[in-house]
Amino acid sequence: MKKGIYILLVGLLCNITVTAQSLPKENGRLKKLYDKNPDKAIQKAQKLSSKKKNLDLAYYYLTISYLKKYSVKNSSSFLSSSLRYYKKYTNLNNQRISFETDKLNQLKFAQQTLIKSKYDKKRYSSALKESKKYEELFGLESDLHQELLIIAAEQKKEAKYTRSPEKKLNKTKITNVLNASKLIADAEALIGTRYKYGGESTSGLDCSGFTRYVYQKEGVSIPHSARLQSQLGTLIRKEDCKPGDLIFFGSVTNNRYNFQHVGMIYSNDNGKLKMIHCPNSGVCIEGEGEPSYDMYWEKRFLFIKRLSSNDLLTTKNL
């Protein structure tokens, strides 16, 4: 019995020794193939993978080989394969070969570039899917990822209203005059309130939930949707806007507005605007001349609307 156990242990140790010795050799072979032809490296690595041998080495070279092919042909399928094998690599308990920093940075940059490209083309759902993949693999929070989450949330709300024909706007006129000072005072009281998707109370607000809440305090009900709020009121020139007016942001594609955000004019100092709104950082005041406004919001400005006693629409059961 003892002899059998001894033989088994010796065999196990020999196998471990052989495996340890084979790693540098396999690494050398794969590196030569990778440098010469990434397709050959992929074939060799896939054979190792199928035999469950040196999986860390196999997944490493599958990752960087597909990344190399992507850098040449710019096909998203190659990048997807690279990311898939990188995920397999990170899931291994034993990784005897470490990723070179430049290779890992190339992979991150390639995925970031793909996300930005989809975002610029207004393919927000696809961009969000890729962004979630990036967050899962590299564990980094990004402003663009947060913005995509907000856009996706807003689109869900708009789809909800589009699919519900019974939730129509009730075109009842409002006879009272809106009190701009009270609107701003109620808005200021919310500064610091956290962002919460679908929120319309002091426990959490999103952009259109914020404007809805403030107007509700004035006794006016407006929809919880930037797009639907944009259908209310009268267009106002930027230089003529006043505190309490709604300011809309997004993009225009084929003469169609894509609404991404709504805020409220806080002040207009001789054409220099400030708005109070609820971005993903929570309720705050931002304005022209500040980097956050000039570099981001100004580029996405669409128009300004004023909700007055003459043209305001109210909604019910929204």
C-alpha atoms as a PDB file:
ATOM      1  CA  MET A   1       0.000   0.000   0.000  1.00  0.00           C
ATOM      2  CA  LYS A   2       2.783   2.402   1.034  1.00  0.00           C
ATOM      3  CA  LYS A   3       4.744   1.448  -2.067  1.00  0.00           C
ATOM      4  CA  GLY A   4       1.725   2.274  -4.286  1.00  0.00           C
ATOM      5  CA  ILE A   5       1.302   5.683  -2.653  1.00  0.00           C
ATOM      6  CA  TYR A   6       5.026   6.349  -3.064  1.00  0.00           C
ATOM      7  CA  ILE A   7       4.891   5.497  -6.770  1.00  0.00           C
ATOM      8  CA  LEU A   8       1.825   7.733  -7.198  1.00  0.00           C
ATOM      9  CA  LEU A   9       3.552  10.682  -5.506  1.00  0.00           C
ATOM     10  CA  VAL A  10       6.701  10.223  -7.565  1.00  0.00           C
ATOM     11  CA  GLY A  11       4.626  10.110 -10.743  1.00  0.00           C
ATOM     12  CA  LEU A  12       2.761  13.264  -9.700  1.00  0.00           C
ATOM     13  CA  LEU A  13       5.991  15.123  -8.927  1.00  0.00           C
ATOM     14  CA  CYS A  14       7.501  14.043 -12.249  1.00  0.00           C
ATOM     15  CA  ASN A  15       4.413  15.258 -14.077  1.00  0.00           C
ATOM     16  CA  ILE A  16       4.597  18.638 -12.312  1.00  0.00           C
ATOM     17  CA  THR A  17       8.294  18.905 -13.140  1.00  0.00           C
ATOM     18  CA  VAL A  18       7.708  18.057 -16.807  1.00  0.00           C
ATOM     19  CA  THR A  19       4.859  20.586 -16.989  1.00  0.00           C
ATOM     20  CA  ALA A  20       7.012  23.281 -15.384  1.00  0.00           C
ATOM     21  CA  GLN A  21       9.828  22.546 -17.811  1.00  0.00           C
ATOM     22  CA  SER A  22       7.456  22.548 -20.812  1.00  0.00           C
ATOM     23  CA  LEU A  23       6.148  26.041 -20.101  1.00  0.00           C
ATOM     24  CA  PRO A  24       9.243  27.956 -21.265  1.00  0.00           C
ATOM     25  CA  LYS A  25       9.511  25.757 -24.361  1.00  0.00           C
ATOM     26  CA  GLU A  26       5.834  26.210 -25.273  1.00  0.00           C
ATOM     27  CA  ASN A  27       6.126  29.919 -24.568  1.00  0.00           C
ATOM     28  CA  GLY A  28       9.112  30.161 -26.891  1.00  0.00           C
ATOM     29  CA  ARG A  29       7.318  28.300 -29.690  1.00  0.00           C
ATOM     30  CA  LEU A  30       4.168  30.388 -29.359  1.00  0.00           C
ATOM     31  CA  LYS A  31       6.108  33.646 -29.239  1.00  0.00           C
ATOM     32  CA  LYS A  32       7.889  32.793 -32.499  1.00  0.00           C
ATOM     33  CA  LEU A  33       4.562  31.935 -34.132  1.00  0.00           C
ATOM     34  CA  TYR A  34       2.952  35.116 -32.757  1.00  0.00           C
ATOM     35  CA  ASP A  35       5.783  37.311 -34.070  1.00  0.00           C
ATOM     36  CA  LYS A  36       5.660  35.633 -37.486  1.00  0.00           C
ATOM     37  CA  ASN A  37       1.978  34.870 -38.024  1.00  0.00           C
ATOM     38  CA  PRO A  38      -0.778  35.335 -35.393  1.00  0.00           C
ATOM     39  CA  ASP A  39      -3.003  32.790 -37.173  1.00  0.00           C
ATOM     40  CA  LYS A  40      -0.385  30.091 -36.553  1.00  0.00           C
ATOM     41  CA  ALA A  41      -0.163  31.123 -32.901  1.00  0.00           C
ATOM     42  CA  ILE A  42      -3.954  30.867 -32.633  1.00  0.00           C
ATOM     43  CA  GLN A  43      -3.959  27.344 -34.090  1.00  0.00           C
ATOM     44  CA  LYS A  44      -1.217  26.213 -31.702  1.00  0.00           C
ATOM     45  CA  ALA A  45      -2.865  27.853 -28.669  1.00  0.00           C
ATOM     46  CA  GLN A  46      -6.232  26.320 -29.523  1.00  0.00           C
ATOM     47  CA  LYS A  47      -4.631  22.852 -29.598  1.00  0.00           C
ATOM     48  CA  LEU A  48      -3.215  23.444 -26.110  1.00  0.00           C
ATOM     49  CA  SER A  49      -6.615  24.663 -24.960  1.00  0.00           C
ATOM     50  CA  SER A  50      -8.413  21.603 -26.333  1.00  0.00           C
ATOM     51  CA  LYS A  51      -5.954  19.332 -24.492  1.00  0.00           C
ATOM     52  CA  LYS A  52      -6.370  21.364 -21.269  1.00  0.00           C
ATOM     53  CA  LYS A  53      -2.602  21.887 -21.218  1.00  0.00           C
ATOM     54  CA  ASN A  54      -0.908  25.141 -20.209  1.00  0.00           C
ATOM     55  CA  LEU A  55      -4.252  26.970 -20.313  1.00  0.00           C
ATOM     56  CA  ASP A  56      -2.778  30.207 -19.006  1.00  0.00           C
ATOM     57  CA  LEU A  57      -0.296  30.187 -21.886  1.00  0.00           C
ATOM     58  CA  ALA A  58      -2.986  29.229 -24.404  1.00  0.00           C
ATOM     59  CA  TYR A  59      -5.412  31.951 -23.336  1.00  0.00           C
ATOM     60  CA  TYR A  60      -2.632  34.538 -23.163  1.00  0.00           C
ATOM     61  CA  TYR A  61      -1.578  33.957 -26.769  1.00  0.00           C
ATOM     62  CA  LEU A  62      -5.149  33.656 -28.005  1.00  0.00           C
ATOM     63  CA  THR A  63      -5.830  37.058 -26.424  1.00  0.00           C
ATOM     64  CA  ILE A  64      -2.837  38.877 -27.880  1.00  0.00           C
ATOM     65  CA  SER A  65      -3.005  37.096 -31.264  1.00  0.00           C
ATOM     66  CA  TYR A  66      -6.625  38.114 -31.865  1.00  0.00           C
ATOM     67  CA  LEU A  67      -5.736  41.611 -30.639  1.00  0.00           C
ATOM     68  CA  LYS A  68      -2.926  41.734 -33.211  1.00  0.00           C
ATOM     69  CA  LYS A  69      -5.343  40.673 -35.957  1.00  0.00           C
ATOM     70  CA  TYR A  70      -7.785  43.372 -34.796  1.00  0.00           C
ATOM     71  CA  SER A  71      -5.082  46.040 -34.995  1.00  0.00           C
ATOM     72  CA  VAL A  72      -4.475  45.079 -38.641  1.00  0.00           C
ATOM     73  CA  LYS A  73      -7.998  44.402 -39.933  1.00  0.00           C
ATOM     74  CA  ASN A  74     -10.088  46.392 -37.407  1.00  0.00           C
ATOM     75  CA  SER A  75     -12.785  43.715 -37.299  1.00  0.00           C
ATOM     76  CA  SER A  76     -14.870  43.830 -34.115  1.00  0.00           C
ATOM     77  CA  SER A  77     -15.120  40.011 -34.147  1.00  0.00           C
ATOM     78  CA  PHE A  78     -11.366  39.797 -33.542  1.00  0.00           C
ATOM     79  CA  LEU A  79     -11.637  42.188 -30.611  1.00  0.00           C
ATOM     80  CA  SER A  80     -14.544  40.186 -29.181  1.00  0.00           C
ATOM     81  CA  SER A  81     -12.457  37.003 -29.410  1.00  0.00           C
ATOM     82  CA  SER A  82      -9.529  38.736 -27.728  1.00  0.00           C
ATOM     83  CA  LEU A  83     -11.726  39.927 -24.860  1.00  0.00           C
ATOM     84  CA  ARG A  84     -13.355  36.501 -24.530  1.00  0.00           C
ATOM     85  CA  TYR A  85     -10.012  34.746 -24.099  1.00  0.00           C
ATOM     86  CA  TYR A  86      -8.747  37.465 -21.769  1.00  0.00           C
ATOM     87  CA  LYS A  87     -11.754  36.771 -19.544  1.00  0.00           C
ATOM     88  CA  LYS A  88     -10.922  33.044 -19.577  1.00  0.00           C
ATOM     89  CA  TYR A  89      -7.340  33.916 -18.677  1.00  0.00           C
ATOM     90  CA  THR A  90      -8.408  36.046 -15.689  1.00  0.00           C
ATOM     91  CA  ASN A  91     -10.740  33.271 -14.468  1.00  0.00           C
ATOM     92  CA  LEU A  92      -7.843  30.816 -14.116  1.00  0.00           C
ATOM     93  CA  ASN A  93      -6.646  30.116 -10.586  1.00  0.00           C
ATOM     94  CA  ASN A  94      -3.049  29.602 -11.648  1.00  0.00           C
ATOM     95  CA  GLN A  95      -1.504  32.155 -14.007  1.00  0.00           C
ATOM     96  CA  ARG A  96       2.181  31.463 -14.523  1.00  0.00           C
ATOM     97  CA  ILE A  97       2.595  33.981 -17.321  1.00  0.00           C
ATOM     98  CA  SER A  98       1.856  37.644 -16.721  1.00  0.00           C
ATOM     99  CA  PHE A  99       0.326  40.050 -19.228  1.00  0.00           C
ATOM    100  CA  GLU A 100       2.738  42.608 -20.593  1.00  0.00           C
ATOM    101  CA  THR A 101       1.570  46.091 -19.603  1.00  0.00           C
ATOM    102  CA  ASP A 102       1.624  47.404 -23.178  1.00  0.00           C
ATOM    103  CA  LYS A 103      -0.489  44.479 -24.427  1.00  0.00           C
ATOM    104  CA  LEU A 104      -3.055  45.016 -21.682  1.00  0.00           C
ATOM    105  CA  ASN A 105      -3.173  48.747 -22.387  1.00  0.00           C
ATOM    106  CA  GLN A 106      -3.668  48.030 -26.102  1.00  0.00           C
ATOM    107  CA  LEU A 107      -6.626  45.796 -25.265  1.00  0.00           C
ATOM    108  CA  LYS A 108      -8.184  48.430 -22.999  1.00  0.00           C
ATOM    109  CA  PHE A 109      -7.656  51.188 -25.539  1.00  0.00           C
ATOM    110  CA  ALA A 110      -9.142  49.098 -28.367  1.00  0.00           C
ATOM    111  CA  GLN A 111     -12.299  48.455 -26.325  1.00  0.00           C
ATOM    112  CA  GLN A 112     -12.569  52.100 -25.244  1.00  0.00           C
ATOM    113  CA  THR A 113     -12.247  53.214 -28.868  1.00  0.00           C
ATOM    114  CA  LEU A 114     -14.982  50.787 -29.941  1.00  0.00           C
ATOM    115  CA  ILE A 115     -17.322  52.065 -27.220  1.00  0.00           C
ATOM    116  CA  LYS A 116     -16.690  55.689 -28.203  1.00  0.00           C
ATOM    117  CA  SER A 117     -17.257  54.871 -31.888  1.00  0.00           C
ATOM    118  CA  LYS A 118     -20.632  53.260 -31.168  1.00  0.00           C
ATOM    119  CA  TYR A 119     -21.557  56.179 -28.913  1.00  0.00           C
ATOM    120  CA  ASP A 120     -20.693  58.753 -31.594  1.00  0.00           C
ATOM    121  CA  LYS A 121     -22.867  56.822 -34.067  1.00  0.00           C
ATOM    122  CA  LYS A 122     -25.779  57.027 -31.560  1.00  0.00           C
ATOM    123  CA  ARG A 123     -25.744  53.224 -31.155  1.00  0.00           C
ATOM    124  CA  TYR A 124     -26.268  53.617 -27.445  1.00  0.00           C
ATOM    125  CA  SER A 125     -27.533  50.108 -26.625  1.00  0.00           C
ATOM    126  CA  SER A 126     -24.571  48.517 -28.371  1.00  0.00           C
ATOM    127  CA  ALA A 127     -22.165  50.993 -26.746  1.00  0.00           C
ATOM    128  CA  LEU A 128     -23.613  50.215 -23.315  1.00  0.00           C
ATOM    129  CA  LYS A 129     -23.227  46.468 -23.917  1.00  0.00           C
ATOM    130  CA  GLU A 130     -19.542  46.930 -24.784  1.00  0.00           C
ATOM    131  CA  SER A 131     -19.069  49.313 -21.871  1.00  0.00           C
ATOM    132  CA  LYS A 132     -20.483  46.763 -19.425  1.00  0.00           C
ATOM    133  CA  LYS A 133     -18.074  44.204 -20.871  1.00  0.00           C
ATOM    134  CA  TYR A 134     -15.207  46.635 -20.276  1.00  0.00           C
ATOM    135  CA  GLU A 135     -16.308  47.317 -16.680  1.00  0.00           C
ATOM    136  CA  GLU A 136     -16.549  43.589 -15.969  1.00  0.00           C
ATOM    137  CA  LEU A 137     -13.075  42.829 -17.303  1.00  0.00           C
ATOM    138  CA  PHE A 138     -11.118  45.836 -16.086  1.00  0.00           C
ATOM    139  CA  GLY A 139     -13.202  47.017 -13.165  1.00  0.00           C
ATOM    140  CA  LEU A 140     -13.007  50.713 -13.978  1.00  0.00           C
ATOM    141  CA  GLU A 141     -15.816  53.245 -13.663  1.00  0.00           C
ATOM    142  CA  SER A 142     -15.989  55.761 -16.503  1.00  0.00           C
ATOM    143  CA  ASP A 143     -18.027  58.915 -17.091  1.00  0.00           C
ATOM    144  CA  LEU A 144     -19.055  57.597 -20.493  1.00  0.00           C
ATOM    145  CA  HIS A 145     -20.356  54.391 -18.922  1.00  0.00           C
ATOM    146  CA  GLN A 146     -22.458  56.400 -16.471  1.00  0.00           C
ATOM    147  CA  GLU A 147     -23.783  58.580 -19.289  1.00  0.00           C
ATOM    148  CA  LEU A 148     -24.745  55.497 -21.309  1.00  0.00           C
ATOM    149  CA  LEU A 149     -26.640  54.140 -18.319  1.00  0.00           C
ATOM    150  CA  ILE A 150     -28.555  57.418 -18.064  1.00  0.00           C
ATOM    151  CA  ILE A 151     -29.324  57.435 -21.810  1.00  0.00           C
ATOM    152  CA  ALA A 152     -30.513  53.830 -21.647  1.00  0.00           C
ATOM    153  CA  ALA A 153     -32.734  54.659 -18.684  1.00  0.00           C
ATOM    154  CA  GLU A 154     -34.232  57.657 -20.488  1.00  0.00           C
ATOM    155  CA  GLN A 155     -34.898  55.564 -23.594  1.00  0.00           C
ATOM    156  CA  LYS A 156     -36.667  52.942 -21.484  1.00  0.00           C
ATOM    157  CA  LYS A 157     -38.942  55.615 -20.044  1.00  0.00           C
ATOM    158  CA  GLU A 158     -39.692  57.015 -23.495  1.00  0.00           C
ATOM    159  CA  ALA A 159     -40.464  53.523 -24.819  1.00  0.00           C
ATOM    160  CA  LYS A 160     -42.818  53.014 -21.879  1.00  0.00           C
ATOM    161  CA  TYR A 161     -44.815  56.123 -22.792  1.00  0.00           C
ATOM    162  CA  THR A 162     -44.753  55.248 -26.500  1.00  0.00           C
ATOM    163  CA  ARG A 163     -46.142  51.765 -25.828  1.00  0.00           C
ATOM    164  CA  SER A 164     -48.918  53.036 -23.552  1.00  0.00           C
ATOM    165  CA  PRO A 165     -51.504  54.793 -25.760  1.00  0.00           C
ATOM    166  CA  GLU A 166     -53.862  55.297 -22.813  1.00  0.00           C
ATOM    167  CA  LYS A 167     -51.324  57.665 -21.210  1.00  0.00           C
ATOM    168  CA  LYS A 168     -52.138  60.670 -23.363  1.00  0.00           C
ATOM    169  CA  LEU A 169     -51.449  64.312 -22.609  1.00  0.00           C
ATOM    170  CA  ASN A 170     -54.516  66.075 -21.273  1.00  0.00           C
ATOM    171  CA  LYS A 171     -54.467  69.486 -22.950  1.00  0.00           C
ATOM    172  CA  THR A 172     -56.009  71.443 -20.091  1.00  0.00           C
ATOM    173  CA  LYS A 173     -54.858  75.048 -19.793  1.00  0.00           C
ATOM    174  CA  ILE A 174     -53.315  76.312 -16.569  1.00  0.00           C
ATOM    175  CA  THR A 175     -54.703  79.659 -15.457  1.00  0.00           C
ATOM    176  CA  ASN A 176     -52.180  80.534 -12.736  1.00  0.00           C
ATOM    177  CA  VAL A 177     -48.889  82.320 -13.508  1.00  0.00           C
ATOM    178  CA  LEU A 178     -45.807  80.311 -12.539  1.00  0.00           C
ATOM    179  CA  ASN A 179     -43.680  81.783  -9.785  1.00  0.00           C
ATOM    180  CA  ALA A 180     -40.074  81.650 -11.050  1.00  0.00           C
ATOM    181  CA  SER A 181     -38.620  82.641  -7.662  1.00  0.00           C
ATOM    182  CA  LYS A 182     -40.422  79.790  -5.924  1.00  0.00           C
ATOM    183  CA  LEU A 183     -39.362  77.330  -8.634  1.00  0.00           C
ATOM    184  CA  ILE A 184     -35.714  78.260  -8.093  1.00  0.00           C
ATOM    185  CA  ALA A 185     -36.052  78.202  -4.289  1.00  0.00           C
ATOM    186  CA  ASP A 186     -37.579  74.717  -4.434  1.00  0.00           C
ATOM    187  CA  ALA A 187     -34.842  73.607  -6.851  1.00  0.00           C
ATOM    188  CA  GLU A 188     -32.066  75.014  -4.608  1.00  0.00           C
ATOM    189  CA  ALA A 189     -33.467  73.065  -1.670  1.00  0.00           C
ATOM    190  CA  LEU A 190     -32.669  69.859  -3.594  1.00  0.00           C
ATOM    191  CA  ILE A 191     -28.950  70.579  -4.125  1.00  0.00           C
ATOM    192  CA  GLY A 192     -26.954  67.507  -3.116  1.00  0.00           C
ATOM    193  CA  THR A 193     -29.849  65.066  -3.650  1.00  0.00           C
ATOM    194  CA  ARG A 194     -28.422  61.893  -5.183  1.00  0.00           C
ATOM    195  CA  TYR A 195     -29.126  60.627  -8.690  1.00  0.00           C
ATOM    196  CA  LYS A 196     -31.528  57.693  -8.873  1.00  0.00           C
ATOM    197  CA  TYR A 197     -32.944  56.253 -12.079  1.00  0.00           C
ATOM    198  CA  GLY A 198     -36.704  56.846 -12.160  1.00  0.00           C
ATOM    199  CA  GLY A 199     -36.511  58.901  -8.960  1.00  0.00           C
ATOM    200  CA  GLU A 200     -38.866  61.819  -8.386  1.00  0.00           C
ATOM    201  CA  SER A 201     -38.570  62.406  -4.635  1.00  0.00           C
ATOM    202  CA  THR A 202     -35.999  63.724  -2.160  1.00  0.00           C
ATOM    203  CA  SER A 203     -34.670  60.166  -1.696  1.00  0.00           C
ATOM    204  CA  GLY A 204     -33.332  60.275  -5.270  1.00  0.00           C
ATOM    205  CA  LEU A 205     -33.979  61.979  -8.616  1.00  0.00           C
ATOM    206  CA  ASP A 206     -33.092  61.640 -12.269  1.00  0.00           C
ATOM    207  CA  CYS A 207     -32.984  64.603 -14.652  1.00  0.00           C
ATOM    208  CA  SER A 208     -36.653  64.720 -15.682  1.00  0.00           C
ATOM    209  CA  GLY A 209     -37.726  63.533 -12.222  1.00  0.00           C
ATOM    210  CA  PHE A 210     -35.992  66.616 -10.814  1.00  0.00           C
ATOM    211  CA  THR A 211     -37.831  69.075 -13.088  1.00  0.00           C
ATOM    212  CA  ARG A 212     -41.101  67.207 -12.555  1.00  0.00           C
ATOM    213  CA  TYR A 213     -40.671  67.395  -8.760  1.00  0.00           C
ATOM    214  CA  VAL A 214     -39.914  71.135  -8.780  1.00  0.00           C
ATOM    215  CA  TYR A 215     -42.889  71.971 -11.010  1.00  0.00           C
ATOM    216  CA  GLN A 216     -45.116  69.703  -8.924  1.00  0.00           C
ATOM    217  CA  LYS A 217     -44.270  71.882  -5.901  1.00  0.00           C
ATOM    218  CA  GLU A 218     -45.778  74.775  -7.884  1.00  0.00           C
ATOM    219  CA  GLY A 219     -48.933  72.691  -8.412  1.00  0.00           C
ATOM    220  CA  VAL A 220     -48.116  71.815 -12.036  1.00  0.00           C
ATOM    221  CA  SER A 221     -47.864  68.207 -13.228  1.00  0.00           C
ATOM    222  CA  ILE A 222     -45.490  67.494 -16.113  1.00  0.00           C
ATOM    223  CA  PRO A 223     -44.352  64.123 -17.533  1.00  0.00           C
ATOM    224  CA  HIS A 224     -41.401  62.178 -16.139  1.00  0.00           C
ATOM    225  CA  SER A 225     -39.560  62.177 -19.484  1.00  0.00           C
ATOM    226  CA  ALA A 226     -37.208  64.689 -21.102  1.00  0.00           C
ATOM    227  CA  ARG A 227     -38.743  64.032 -24.514  1.00  0.00           C
ATOM    228  CA  LEU A 228     -42.327  64.577 -23.325  1.00  0.00           C
ATOM    229  CA  GLN A 229     -41.360  67.676 -21.331  1.00  0.00           C
ATOM    230  CA  SER A 230     -39.790  69.083 -24.501  1.00  0.00           C
ATOM    231  CA  GLN A 231     -43.226  68.998 -26.158  1.00  0.00           C
ATOM    232  CA  LEU A 232     -44.607  71.488 -23.637  1.00  0.00           C
ATOM    233  CA  GLY A 233     -44.344  75.283 -23.557  1.00  0.00           C
ATOM    234  CA  THR A 234     -42.853  77.795 -25.969  1.00  0.00           C
ATOM    235  CA  LEU A 235     -39.404  77.954 -27.547  1.00  0.00           C
ATOM    236  CA  ILE A 236     -37.259  80.720 -26.048  1.00  0.00           C
ATOM    237  CA  ARG A 237     -34.071  82.215 -27.481  1.00  0.00           C
ATOM    238  CA  LYS A 238     -31.016  81.504 -25.367  1.00  0.00           C
ATOM    239  CA  GLU A 239     -30.375  85.173 -24.669  1.00  0.00           C
ATOM    240  CA  ASP A 240     -34.010  85.689 -23.556  1.00  0.00           C
ATOM    241  CA  CYS A 241     -34.316  82.753 -21.155  1.00  0.00           C
ATOM    242  CA  LYS A 242     -35.275  83.270 -17.503  1.00  0.00           C
ATOM    243  CA  PRO A 243     -34.961  81.279 -14.265  1.00  0.00           C
ATOM    244  CA  GLY A 244     -37.375  78.368 -14.288  1.00  0.00           C
ATOM    245  CA  ASP A 245     -37.221  77.761 -18.051  1.00  0.00           C
ATOM    246  CA  LEU A 246     -36.364  74.200 -19.102  1.00  0.00           C
ATOM    247  CA  ILE A 247     -33.120  73.593 -21.011  1.00  0.00           C
ATOM    248  CA  PHE A 248     -32.739  70.443 -23.119  1.00  0.00           C
ATOM    249  CA  PHE A 249     -29.662  68.516 -24.242  1.00  0.00           C
ATOM    250  CA  GLY A 250     -29.000  65.678 -26.669  1.00  0.00           C
ATOM    251  CA  SER A 251     -28.266  65.333 -30.364  1.00  0.00           C
ATOM    252  CA  VAL A 252     -29.954  65.712 -33.746  1.00  0.00           C
ATOM    253  CA  THR A 253     -30.040  62.915 -36.336  1.00  0.00           C
ATOM    254  CA  ASN A 254     -31.832  63.382 -39.667  1.00  0.00           C
ATOM    255  CA  ASN A 255     -33.716  66.401 -38.251  1.00  0.00           C
ATOM    256  CA  ARG A 256     -34.882  64.290 -35.306  1.00  0.00           C
ATOM    257  CA  TYR A 257     -34.072  65.236 -31.724  1.00  0.00           C
ATOM    258  CA  ASN A 258     -32.549  62.585 -29.466  1.00  0.00           C
ATOM    259  CA  PHE A 259     -33.173  63.829 -25.925  1.00  0.00           C
ATOM    260  CA  GLN A 260     -30.616  62.827 -23.310  1.00  0.00           C
ATOM    261  CA  HIS A 261     -31.044  65.370 -20.511  1.00  0.00           C
ATOM    262  CA  VAL A 262     -33.170  68.225 -19.166  1.00  0.00           C
ATOM    263  CA  GLY A 263     -32.331  70.876 -16.607  1.00  0.00           C
ATOM    264  CA  MET A 264     -33.705  74.218 -15.383  1.00  0.00           C
ATOM    265  CA  ILE A 265     -32.312  77.681 -16.036  1.00  0.00           C
ATOM    266  CA  TYR A 266     -30.944  79.015 -12.740  1.00  0.00           C
ATOM    267  CA  SER A 267     -29.800  82.436 -13.932  1.00  0.00           C
ATOM    268  CA  ASN A 268     -29.109  84.484 -17.056  1.00  0.00           C
ATOM    269  CA  ASP A 269     -26.490  87.139 -16.393  1.00  0.00           C
ATOM    270  CA  ASN A 270     -26.354  89.150 -19.631  1.00  0.00           C
ATOM    271  CA  GLY A 271     -26.376  85.989 -21.710  1.00  0.00           C
ATOM    272  CA  LYS A 272     -24.142  83.942 -19.403  1.00  0.00           C
ATOM    273  CA  LEU A 273     -26.285  80.996 -18.344  1.00  0.00           C
ATOM    274  CA  LYS A 274     -26.326  78.839 -15.254  1.00  0.00           C
ATOM    275  CA  MET A 275     -28.561  75.807 -14.861  1.00  0.00           C
ATOM    276  CA  ILE A 276     -29.631  73.683 -11.928  1.00  0.00           C
ATOM    277  CA  HIS A 277     -30.126  70.028 -12.796  1.00  0.00           C
ATOM    278  CA  CYS A 278     -29.646  66.421 -11.726  1.00  0.00           C
ATOM    279  CA  PRO A 279     -26.850  64.648 -13.642  1.00  0.00           C
ATOM    280  CA  ASN A 280     -25.430  61.317 -12.412  1.00  0.00           C
ATOM    281  CA  SER A 281     -23.484  63.183  -9.696  1.00  0.00           C
ATOM    282  CA  GLY A 282     -26.713  64.514  -8.122  1.00  0.00           C
ATOM    283  CA  VAL A 283     -28.496  67.892  -8.055  1.00  0.00           C
ATOM    284  CA  CYS A 284     -26.057  70.761  -8.643  1.00  0.00           C
ATOM    285  CA  ILE A 285     -25.584  74.115 -10.392  1.00  0.00           C
ATOM    286  CA  GLU A 286     -23.378  74.408 -13.477  1.00  0.00           C
ATOM    287  CA  GLY A 287     -22.899  77.236 -15.930  1.00  0.00           C
ATOM    288  CA  GLU A 288     -21.114  78.737 -18.892  1.00  0.00           C
ATOM    289  CA  GLY A 289     -17.473  79.469 -18.181  1.00  0.00           C
ATOM    290  CA  GLU A 290     -17.073  76.289 -16.139  1.00  0.00           C
ATOM    291  CA  PRO A 291     -15.133  73.373 -17.751  1.00  0.00           C
ATOM    292  CA  SER A 292     -17.882  70.845 -16.980  1.00  0.00           C
ATOM    293  CA  TYR A 293     -20.432  72.973 -18.860  1.00  0.00           C
ATOM    294  CA  ASP A 294     -18.309  74.296 -21.725  1.00  0.00           C
ATOM    295  CA  MET A 295     -16.656  70.965 -22.546  1.00  0.00           C
ATOM    296  CA  TYR A 296     -19.734  68.766 -22.172  1.00  0.00           C
ATOM    297  CA  TRP A 297     -23.168  70.372 -21.895  1.00  0.00           C
ATOM    298  CA  GLU A 298     -22.604  73.231 -24.366  1.00  0.00           C
ATOM    299  CA  LYS A 299     -21.825  70.714 -27.124  1.00  0.00           C
ATOM    300  CA  ARG A 300     -25.128  68.909 -26.493  1.00  0.00           C
ATOM    301  CA  PHE A 301     -27.419  71.949 -26.138  1.00  0.00           C
ATOM    302  CA  LEU A 302     -30.687  71.655 -28.106  1.00  0.00           C
ATOM    303  CA  PHE A 303     -33.120  74.404 -27.055  1.00  0.00           C
ATOM    304  CA  ILE A 304     -34.941  76.115 -24.170  1.00  0.00           C
ATOM    305  CA  LYS A 305     -38.699  76.025 -23.442  1.00  0.00           C
ATOM    306  CA  ARG A 306     -40.839  78.189 -21.174  1.00  0.00           C
ATOM    307  CA  LEU A 307     -43.922  76.709 -19.528  1.00  0.00           C
ATOM    308  CA  SER A 308     -46.421  79.551 -19.159  1.00  0.00           C
ATOM    309  CA  SER A 309     -50.082  79.976 -18.325  1.00  0.00           C
ATOM    310  CA  ASN A 310     -50.882  80.353 -22.043  1.00  0.00           C
ATOM    311  CA  ASP A 311     -49.393  77.213 -23.486  1.00  0.00           C
ATOM    312  CA  LEU A 312     -48.671  74.787 -20.614  1.00  0.00           C
ATOM    313  CA  LEU A 313     -50.037  71.273 -20.909  1.00  0.00           C
ATOM    314  CA  THR A 314     -50.650  69.105 -17.871  1.00  0.00           C
ATOM    315  CA  THR A 315     -50.618  65.327 -17.692  1.00  0.00           C
ATOM    316  CA  LYS A 316     -52.580  62.800 -15.725  1.00  0.00           C
ATOM    317  CA  ASN A 317     -51.760  59.259 -14.544  1.00  0.00           C
ATOM    318  CA  LEU A 318     -48.139  59.464 -15.655  1.00  0.00           C
END
